[in-house]
C-alpha cells in the first residue's frame, strides 16, 4: 500500500506554522483564505453580492469588470466597501 503524500506546513516570516491557505487582510482583519485566488472568488466565498461593493486590493480600486481576473496573493490587503443608497 502506497503512503499518502503529507501536506506541507506553511511557515510565515516569523517561523510560525500556518494552516492551508494564504494569509490576507480583509477590512483590517487577518484571515486565511484557501479559495479561488481572484477578487470575484473571494467575494463569492464571503457571500457578498459583487454588484453592491467596491473592492480595493493593496490601495488600488479593482473595477467590476476586472474582478474575475484580478488575482489575490499572500499578504495582500483587501478593503470591501458596501454601497448604500439613501438620502
PDB file of N, CA and C in Angstrom:
ATOM      1  N   UNK A   1       0.845  -1.176   0.000  1.00  0.00           N
ATOM      2  CA  UNK A   1       0.000   0.000   0.000  1.00  0.00           C
ATOM      3  C   UNK A   1       0.888   1.236   0.000  1.00  0.00           C
ATOM      4  N   UNK A   2       0.579   2.161  -0.887  1.00  0.00           N
ATOM      5  CA  UNK A   2       1.392   3.363  -1.019  1.00  0.00           C
ATOM      6  C   UNK A   2       0.923   4.417  -0.016  1.00  0.00           C
ATOM      7  N   UNK A   3       1.876   5.080   0.621  1.00  0.00           N
ATOM      8  CA  UNK A   3       1.549   6.108   1.603  1.00  0.00           C
ATOM      9  C   UNK A   3       1.030   7.351   0.901  1.00  0.00           C
ATOM     10  N   UNK A   4       0.072   8.021   1.536  1.00  0.00           N
ATOM     11  CA  UNK A   4      -0.440   9.273   1.004  1.00  0.00           C
ATOM     12  C   UNK A   4       0.594  10.371   1.206  1.00  0.00           C
ATOM     13  N   UNK A   5       0.698  11.285   0.263  1.00  0.00           N
ATOM     14  CA  UNK A   5       1.653  12.384   0.450  1.00  0.00           C
ATOM     15  C   UNK A   5       1.233  13.263   1.617  1.00  0.00           C
ATOM     16  N   UNK A   6       2.206  13.710   2.376  1.00  0.00           N
ATOM     17  CA  UNK A   6       1.922  14.565   3.518  1.00  0.00           C
ATOM     18  C   UNK A   6       1.796  16.005   3.046  1.00  0.00           C
ATOM     19  N   UNK A   7       0.850  16.716   3.631  1.00  0.00           N
ATOM     20  CA  UNK A   7       0.704  18.128   3.304  1.00  0.00           C
ATOM     21  C   UNK A   7       1.845  18.893   3.947  1.00  0.00           C
ATOM     22  N   UNK A   8       2.418  19.791   3.189  1.00  0.00           N
ATOM     23  CA  UNK A   8       3.475  20.625   3.737  1.00  0.00           C
ATOM     24  C   UNK A   8       2.861  21.722   4.579  1.00  0.00           C
ATOM     25  N   UNK A   9       3.465  22.000   5.688  1.00  0.00           N
ATOM     26  CA  UNK A   9       3.014  23.100   6.517  1.00  0.00           C
ATOM     27  C   UNK A   9       3.682  24.364   6.033  1.00  0.00           C
ATOM     28  N   UNK A  10       2.899  25.424   5.969  1.00  0.00           N
ATOM     29  CA  UNK A  10       3.452  26.707   5.575  1.00  0.00           C
ATOM     30  C   UNK A  10       3.980  27.411   6.817  1.00  0.00           C
ATOM     31  N   UNK A  11       5.087  28.083   6.647  1.00  0.00           N
ATOM     32  CA  UNK A  11       5.686  28.817   7.755  1.00  0.00           C
ATOM     33  C   UNK A  11       5.818  30.267   7.322  1.00  0.00           C
ATOM     34  N   UNK A  12       5.365  31.194   8.188  1.00  0.00           N
ATOM     35  CA  UNK A  12       5.465  32.606   7.825  1.00  0.00           C
ATOM     36  C   UNK A  12       6.864  33.139   8.124  1.00  0.00           C
ATOM     37  N   UNK A  13       7.040  34.443   7.894  1.00  0.00           N
ATOM     38  CA  UNK A  13       8.358  35.058   8.049  1.00  0.00           C
ATOM     39  C   UNK A  13       8.886  34.975   9.475  1.00  0.00           C
ATOM     40  N   UNK A  14       7.988  34.837  10.428  1.00  0.00           N
ATOM     41  CA  UNK A  14       8.401  34.758  11.837  1.00  0.00           C
ATOM     42  C   UNK A  14       8.572  33.324  12.323  1.00  0.00           C
ATOM     43  N   UNK A  15       8.426  32.367  11.408  1.00  0.00           N
ATOM     44  CA  UNK A  15       8.615  30.967  11.764  1.00  0.00           C
ATOM     45  C   UNK A  15       7.391  30.304  12.345  1.00  0.00           C
ATOM     46  N   UNK A  16       6.241  30.974  12.283  1.00  0.00           N
ATOM     47  CA  UNK A  16       5.013  30.384  12.813  1.00  0.00           C
ATOM     48  C   UNK A  16       4.384  29.483  11.754  1.00  0.00           C
ATOM     49  N   UNK A  17       3.881  28.338  12.165  1.00  0.00           N
ATOM     50  CA  UNK A  17       3.231  27.406  11.245  1.00  0.00           C
ATOM     51  C   UNK A  17       1.828  27.918  10.959  1.00  0.00           C
ATOM     52  N   UNK A  18       1.462  27.922   9.669  1.00  0.00           N
ATOM     53  CA  UNK A  18       0.135  28.364   9.255  1.00  0.00           C
ATOM     54  C   UNK A  18      -0.650  27.178   8.726  1.00  0.00           C
ATOM     55  N   UNK A  19      -1.950  27.316   8.761  1.00  0.00           N
ATOM     56  CA  UNK A  19      -2.830  26.307   8.172  1.00  0.00           C
ATOM     57  C   UNK A  19      -2.739  26.446   6.653  1.00  0.00           C
ATOM     58  N   UNK A  20      -3.447  25.572   5.944  1.00  0.00           N
ATOM     59  CA  UNK A  20      -3.508  25.700   4.485  1.00  0.00           C
ATOM     60  C   UNK A  20      -4.134  27.035   4.125  1.00  0.00           C
ATOM     61  N   UNK A  21      -3.736  27.574   3.010  1.00  0.00           N
ATOM     62  CA  UNK A  21      -4.288  28.831   2.552  1.00  0.00           C
ATOM     63  C   UNK A  21      -3.275  29.951   2.665  1.00  0.00           C
ATOM     64  N   UNK A  22      -3.660  31.095   2.099  1.00  0.00           N
ATOM     65  CA  UNK A  22      -2.779  32.247   2.161  1.00  0.00           C
ATOM     66  C   UNK A  22      -3.331  33.224   3.186  1.00  0.00           C
ATOM     67  N   UNK A  23      -2.432  33.941   3.800  1.00  0.00           N
ATOM     68  CA  UNK A  23      -2.863  34.932   4.772  1.00  0.00           C
ATOM     69  C   UNK A  23      -3.085  36.258   4.053  1.00  0.00           C
ATOM     70  N   UNK A  24      -4.304  36.782   4.186  1.00  0.00           N
ATOM     71  CA  UNK A  24      -4.640  38.073   3.616  1.00  0.00           C
ATOM     72  C   UNK A  24      -5.298  38.902   4.713  1.00  0.00           C
ATOM     73  N   UNK A  25      -5.426  40.192   4.484  1.00  0.00           N
ATOM     74  CA  UNK A  25      -6.126  41.072   5.413  1.00  0.00           C
ATOM     75  C   UNK A  25      -7.358  41.605   4.700  1.00  0.00           C
ATOM     76  N   UNK A  26      -8.533  41.373   5.304  1.00  0.00           N
ATOM     77  CA  UNK A  26      -9.793  41.838   4.727  1.00  0.00           C
ATOM     78  C   UNK A  26     -10.435  42.799   5.721  1.00  0.00           C
ATOM     79  N   UNK A  27     -10.594  44.037   5.287  1.00  0.00           N
ATOM     80  CA  UNK A  27     -11.176  45.079   6.130  1.00  0.00           C
ATOM     81  C   UNK A  27     -10.510  45.137   7.508  1.00  0.00           C
ATOM     82  N   UNK A  28      -9.200  45.060   7.501  1.00  0.00           N
ATOM     83  CA  UNK A  28      -8.425  45.201   8.731  1.00  0.00           C
ATOM     84  C   UNK A  28      -8.252  43.932   9.546  1.00  0.00           C
ATOM     85  N   UNK A  29      -8.856  42.829   9.133  1.00  0.00           N
ATOM     86  CA  UNK A  29      -8.743  41.576   9.882  1.00  0.00           C
ATOM     87  C   UNK A  29      -7.948  40.555   9.089  1.00  0.00           C
ATOM     88  N   UNK A  30      -6.921  39.981   9.720  1.00  0.00           N
ATOM     89  CA  UNK A  30      -6.133  38.941   9.071  1.00  0.00           C
ATOM     90  C   UNK A  30      -6.955  37.662   9.031  1.00  0.00           C
ATOM     91  N   UNK A  31      -6.870  36.959   7.903  1.00  0.00           N
ATOM     92  CA  UNK A  31      -7.581  35.684   7.779  1.00  0.00           C
ATOM     93  C   UNK A  31      -6.847  34.792   6.797  1.00  0.00           C
ATOM     94  N   UNK A  32      -7.078  33.503   6.935  1.00  0.00           N
ATOM     95  CA  UNK A  32      -6.546  32.529   5.984  1.00  0.00           C
ATOM     96  C   UNK A  32      -7.600  32.301   4.922  1.00  0.00           C
ATOM     97  N   UNK A  33      -7.170  32.295   3.667  1.00  0.00           N
ATOM     98  CA  UNK A  33      -8.093  32.113   2.556  1.00  0.00           C
ATOM     99  C   UNK A  33      -7.523  31.065   1.619  1.00  0.00           C
ATOM    100  N   UNK A  34      -8.304  30.019   1.363  1.00  0.00           N
ATOM    101  CA  UNK A  34      -7.839  28.900   0.543  1.00  0.00           C
ATOM    102  C   UNK A  34      -8.702  28.721  -0.701  1.00  0.00           C
ATOM    103  N   UNK A  35      -9.525  29.723  -0.987  1.00  0.00           N
ATOM    104  CA  UNK A  35     -10.447  29.594  -2.111  1.00  0.00           C
ATOM    105  C   UNK A  35      -9.834  30.052  -3.412  1.00  0.00           C
ATOM    106  N   UNK A  36     -10.686  30.274  -4.408  1.00  0.00           N
ATOM    107  CA  UNK A  36     -10.181  30.775  -5.690  1.00  0.00           C
ATOM    108  C   UNK A  36      -9.427  32.085  -5.479  1.00  0.00           C
ATOM    109  N   UNK A  37      -8.268  32.193  -6.061  1.00  0.00           N
ATOM    110  CA  UNK A  37      -7.394  33.321  -5.805  1.00  0.00           C
ATOM    111  C   UNK A  37      -7.707  34.583  -6.567  1.00  0.00           C
ATOM    112  N   UNK A  38      -8.992  34.842  -6.823  1.00  0.00           N
ATOM    113  CA  UNK A  38      -9.379  36.074  -7.506  1.00  0.00           C
ATOM    114  C   UNK A  38     -10.270  36.896  -6.589  1.00  0.00           C
ATOM    115  N   UNK A  39     -10.416  38.170  -6.923  1.00  0.00           N
ATOM    116  CA  UNK A  39     -11.306  39.038  -6.154  1.00  0.00           C
ATOM    117  C   UNK A  39     -12.730  38.492  -6.232  1.00  0.00           C
ATOM    118  N   UNK A  40     -13.167  38.076  -7.407  1.00  0.00           N
ATOM    119  CA  UNK A  40     -14.514  37.520  -7.575  1.00  0.00           C
ATOM    120  C   UNK A  40     -14.699  36.276  -6.710  1.00  0.00           C
ATOM    121  N   UNK A  41     -13.686  35.415  -6.665  1.00  0.00           N
ATOM    122  CA  UNK A  41     -13.758  34.213  -5.834  1.00  0.00           C
ATOM    123  C   UNK A  41     -13.852  34.543  -4.359  1.00  0.00           C
ATOM    124  N   UNK A  42     -13.123  35.553  -3.918  1.00  0.00           N
ATOM    125  CA  UNK A  42     -13.174  35.962  -2.514  1.00  0.00           C
ATOM    126  C   UNK A  42     -14.561  36.488  -2.164  1.00  0.00           C
ATOM    127  N   UNK A  43     -15.131  37.307  -3.036  1.00  0.00           N
ATOM    128  CA  UNK A  43     -16.481  37.819  -2.767  1.00  0.00           C
ATOM    129  C   UNK A  43     -17.489  36.681  -2.664  1.00  0.00           C
ATOM    130  N   UNK A  44     -17.397  35.708  -3.558  1.00  0.00           N
ATOM    131  CA  UNK A  44     -18.297  34.551  -3.512  1.00  0.00           C
ATOM    132  C   UNK A  44     -18.100  33.772  -2.216  1.00  0.00           C
ATOM    133  N   UNK A  45     -16.850  33.564  -1.819  1.00  0.00           N
ATOM    134  CA  UNK A  45     -16.526  32.843  -0.596  1.00  0.00           C
ATOM    135  C   UNK A  45     -17.127  33.545   0.630  1.00  0.00           C
ATOM    136  N   UNK A  46     -17.093  34.871   0.610  1.00  0.00           N
ATOM    137  CA  UNK A  46     -17.616  35.657   1.731  1.00  0.00           C
ATOM    138  C   UNK A  46     -19.129  35.851   1.654  1.00  0.00           C
ATOM    139  N   UNK A  47     -19.750  35.417   0.539  1.00  0.00           N
ATOM    140  CA  UNK A  47     -21.191  35.554   0.380  1.00  0.00           C
ATOM    141  C   UNK A  47     -21.620  36.984   0.102  1.00  0.00           C
ATOM    142  N   UNK A  48     -20.777  37.742  -0.564  1.00  0.00           N
ATOM    143  CA  UNK A  48     -21.055  39.142  -0.854  1.00  0.00           C
ATOM    144  C   UNK A  48     -21.448  39.285  -2.321  1.00  0.00           C
ATOM    145  N   UNK A  49     -22.597  39.916  -2.570  1.00  0.00           N
ATOM    146  CA  UNK A  49     -23.036  40.170  -3.941  1.00  0.00           C
ATOM    147  C   UNK A  49     -22.092  41.192  -4.563  1.00  0.00           C
ATOM    148  N   UNK A  50     -21.452  40.860  -5.673  1.00  0.00           N
ATOM    149  CA  UNK A  50     -20.419  41.728  -6.243  1.00  0.00           C
ATOM    150  C   UNK A  50     -20.913  43.086  -6.735  1.00  0.00           C
ATOM    151  N   UNK A  51     -22.191  43.207  -7.027  1.00  0.00           N
ATOM    152  CA  UNK A  51     -22.716  44.473  -7.527  1.00  0.00           C
ATOM    153  C   UNK A  51     -22.952  45.513  -6.445  1.00  0.00           C
ATOM    154  N   UNK A  52     -22.805  45.114  -5.186  1.00  0.00           N
ATOM    155  CA  UNK A  52     -23.128  46.030  -4.083  1.00  0.00           C
ATOM    156  C   UNK A  52     -21.900  46.574  -3.369  1.00  0.00           C
ATOM    157  N   UNK A  53     -20.706  46.279  -3.894  1.00  0.00           N
ATOM    158  CA  UNK A  53     -19.491  46.688  -3.181  1.00  0.00           C
ATOM    159  C   UNK A  53     -18.448  47.286  -4.120  1.00  0.00           C
ATOM    160  N   UNK A  54     -17.546  48.038  -3.520  1.00  0.00           N
ATOM    161  CA  UNK A  54     -16.333  48.496  -4.180  1.00  0.00           C
ATOM    162  C   UNK A  54     -15.205  47.734  -3.503  1.00  0.00           C
ATOM    163  N   UNK A  55     -14.263  47.217  -4.303  1.00  0.00           N
ATOM    164  CA  UNK A  55     -13.164  46.423  -3.754  1.00  0.00           C
ATOM    165  C   UNK A  55     -11.839  47.102  -4.078  1.00  0.00           C
ATOM    166  N   UNK A  56     -11.015  47.172  -3.054  1.00  0.00           N
ATOM    167  CA  UNK A  56      -9.676  47.741  -3.190  1.00  0.00           C
ATOM    168  C   UNK A  56      -8.668  46.673  -2.795  1.00  0.00           C
ATOM    169  N   UNK A  57      -7.668  46.444  -3.627  1.00  0.00           N
ATOM    170  CA  UNK A  57      -6.597  45.492  -3.314  1.00  0.00           C
ATOM    171  C   UNK A  57      -5.299  46.284  -3.260  1.00  0.00           C
ATOM    172  N   UNK A  58      -4.662  46.251  -2.107  1.00  0.00           N
ATOM    173  CA  UNK A  58      -3.399  46.974  -1.895  1.00  0.00           C
ATOM    174  C   UNK A  58      -3.523  48.438  -2.325  1.00  0.00           C
ATOM    175  N   UNK A  59      -4.600  49.069  -1.861  1.00  0.00           N
ATOM    176  CA  UNK A  59      -4.848  50.510  -2.058  1.00  0.00           C
ATOM    177  C   UNK A  59      -5.154  50.882  -3.508  1.00  0.00           C
ATOM    178  N   UNK A  60      -5.580  49.901  -4.315  1.00  0.00           N
ATOM    179  CA  UNK A  60      -5.945  50.150  -5.704  1.00  0.00           C
ATOM    180  C   UNK A  60      -7.342  49.588  -5.949  1.00  0.00           C
ATOM    181  N   UNK A  61      -8.254  50.451  -6.408  1.00  0.00           N
ATOM    182  CA  UNK A  61      -9.626  50.007  -6.681  1.00  0.00           C
ATOM    183  C   UNK A  61      -9.626  49.066  -7.881  1.00  0.00           C
ATOM    184  N   UNK A  62     -10.334  47.947  -7.732  1.00  0.00           N
ATOM    185  CA  UNK A  62     -10.456  46.961  -8.810  1.00  0.00           C
ATOM    186  C   UNK A  62     -11.822  47.158  -9.474  1.00  0.00           C
ATOM    187  N   UNK A  63     -11.851  47.573 -10.735  1.00  0.00           N
ATOM    188  CA  UNK A  63     -13.130  47.744 -11.435  1.00  0.00           C
ATOM    189  C   UNK A  63     -13.904  46.429 -11.495  1.00  0.00           C
ATOM    190  N   UNK A  64     -15.242  46.538 -11.502  1.00  0.00           N
ATOM    191  CA  UNK A  64     -16.081  45.336 -11.516  1.00  0.00           C
ATOM    192  C   UNK A  64     -15.744  44.408 -12.668  1.00  0.00           C
ATOM    193  N   UNK A  65     -15.449  44.956 -13.833  1.00  0.00           N
ATOM    194  CA  UNK A  65     -15.199  44.105 -14.994  1.00  0.00           C
ATOM    195  C   UNK A  65     -13.825  43.428 -14.960  1.00  0.00           C
ATOM    196  N   UNK A  66     -13.020  43.704 -13.946  1.00  0.00           N
ATOM    197  CA  UNK A  66     -11.702  43.069 -13.828  1.00  0.00           C
ATOM    198  C   UNK A  66     -11.590  42.125 -12.633  1.00  0.00           C
ATOM    199  N   UNK A  67     -12.643  41.986 -11.865  1.00  0.00           N
ATOM    200  CA  UNK A  67     -12.586  41.184 -10.629  1.00  0.00           C
ATOM    201  C   UNK A  67     -12.349  39.703 -10.879  1.00  0.00           C
ATOM    202  N   UNK A  68     -12.841  39.185 -11.996  1.00  0.00           N
ATOM    203  CA  UNK A  68     -12.632  37.759 -12.298  1.00  0.00           C
ATOM    204  C   UNK A  68     -11.177  37.443 -12.588  1.00  0.00           C
ATOM    205  N   UNK A  69     -10.439  38.421 -13.075  1.00  0.00           N
ATOM    206  CA  UNK A  69      -9.038  38.208 -13.458  1.00  0.00           C
ATOM    207  C   UNK A  69      -8.041  38.767 -12.460  1.00  0.00           C
ATOM    208  N   UNK A  70      -8.506  39.551 -11.492  1.00  0.00           N
ATOM    209  CA  UNK A  70      -7.610  40.168 -10.509  1.00  0.00           C
ATOM    210  C   UNK A  70      -7.239  39.140  -9.441  1.00  0.00           C
ATOM    211  N   UNK A  71      -5.970  38.755  -9.430  1.00  0.00           N
ATOM    212  CA  UNK A  71      -5.507  37.724  -8.502  1.00  0.00           C
ATOM    213  C   UNK A  71      -5.214  38.313  -7.120  1.00  0.00           C
ATOM    214  N   UNK A  72      -5.462  37.491  -6.106  1.00  0.00           N
ATOM    215  CA  UNK A  72      -5.133  37.830  -4.718  1.00  0.00           C
ATOM    216  C   UNK A  72      -3.934  36.987  -4.330  1.00  0.00           C
ATOM    217  N   UNK A  73      -2.982  37.596  -3.659  1.00  0.00           N
ATOM    218  CA  UNK A  73      -1.781  36.874  -3.260  1.00  0.00           C
ATOM    219  C   UNK A  73      -1.526  36.950  -1.768  1.00  0.00           C
ATOM    220  N   UNK A  74      -0.606  36.137  -1.323  1.00  0.00           N
ATOM    221  CA  UNK A  74      -0.183  36.100   0.077  1.00  0.00           C
ATOM    222  C   UNK A  74       0.172  37.512   0.547  1.00  0.00           C
ATOM    223  N   UNK A  75      -0.401  37.910   1.676  1.00  0.00           N
ATOM    224  CA  UNK A  75      -0.080  39.192   2.285  1.00  0.00           C
ATOM    225  C   UNK A  75      -0.849  40.382   1.736  1.00  0.00           C
ATOM    226  N   UNK A  76      -1.739  40.164   0.760  1.00  0.00           N
ATOM    227  CA  UNK A  76      -2.495  41.284   0.193  1.00  0.00           C
ATOM    228  C   UNK A  76      -3.453  41.864   1.228  1.00  0.00           C
ATOM    229  N   UNK A  77      -3.735  43.152   1.062  1.00  0.00           N
ATOM    230  CA  UNK A  77      -4.710  43.844   1.894  1.00  0.00           C
ATOM    231  C   UNK A  77      -5.898  44.198   1.017  1.00  0.00           C
ATOM    232  N   UNK A  78      -7.082  43.715   1.422  1.00  0.00           N
ATOM    233  CA  UNK A  78      -8.296  43.925   0.652  1.00  0.00           C
ATOM    234  C   UNK A  78      -9.274  44.716   1.504  1.00  0.00           C
ATOM    235  N   UNK A  79      -9.821  45.763   0.921  1.00  0.00           N
ATOM    236  CA  UNK A  79     -10.877  46.531   1.565  1.00  0.00           C
ATOM    237  C   UNK A  79     -12.137  46.358   0.739  1.00  0.00           C
ATOM    238  N   UNK A  80     -13.229  46.011   1.407  1.00  0.00           N
ATOM    239  CA  UNK A  80     -14.514  45.830   0.736  1.00  0.00           C
ATOM    240  C   UNK A  80     -15.477  46.827   1.353  1.00  0.00           C
ATOM    241  N   UNK A  81     -15.992  47.738   0.516  1.00  0.00           N
ATOM    242  CA  UNK A  81     -16.900  48.787   0.991  1.00  0.00           C
ATOM    243  C   UNK A  81     -18.261  48.558   0.358  1.00  0.00           C
ATOM    244  N   UNK A  82     -19.266  48.437   1.200  1.00  0.00           N
ATOM    245  CA  UNK A  82     -20.626  48.198   0.715  1.00  0.00           C
ATOM    246  C   UNK A  82     -21.280  49.532   0.338  1.00  0.00           C
ATOM    247  N   UNK A  83     -21.905  49.561  -0.833  1.00  0.00           N
ATOM    248  CA  UNK A  83     -22.594  50.749  -1.297  1.00  0.00           C
ATOM    249  C   UNK A  83     -24.005  50.773  -0.706  1.00  0.00           C
ATOM    250  N   UNK A  84     -24.419  51.937  -0.215  1.00  0.00           N
ATOM    251  CA  UNK A  84     -25.729  52.086   0.400  1.00  0.00           C
ATOM    252  C   UNK A  84     -26.447  53.241  -0.274  1.00  0.00           C
ATOM    253  N   UNK A  85     -27.695  53.000  -0.655  1.00  0.00           N
ATOM    254  CA  UNK A  85     -28.493  54.066  -1.270  1.00  0.00           C
ATOM    255  C   UNK A  85     -29.300  54.757  -0.189  1.00  0.00           C
ATOM    256  N   UNK A  86     -29.621  55.964  -0.448  1.00  0.00           N
ATOM    257  CA  UNK A  86     -30.456  56.685   0.507  1.00  0.00           C
ATOM    258  C   UNK A  86     -30.201  58.167   0.428  1.00  0.00           C
ATOM    259  N   UNK A  87     -30.886  58.868   1.267  1.00  0.00           N
ATOM    260  CA  UNK A  87     -30.733  60.314   1.216  1.00  0.00           C
ATOM    261  C   UNK A  87     -30.700  60.940   2.562  1.00  0.00           C
TER     262      UNK A  87
END
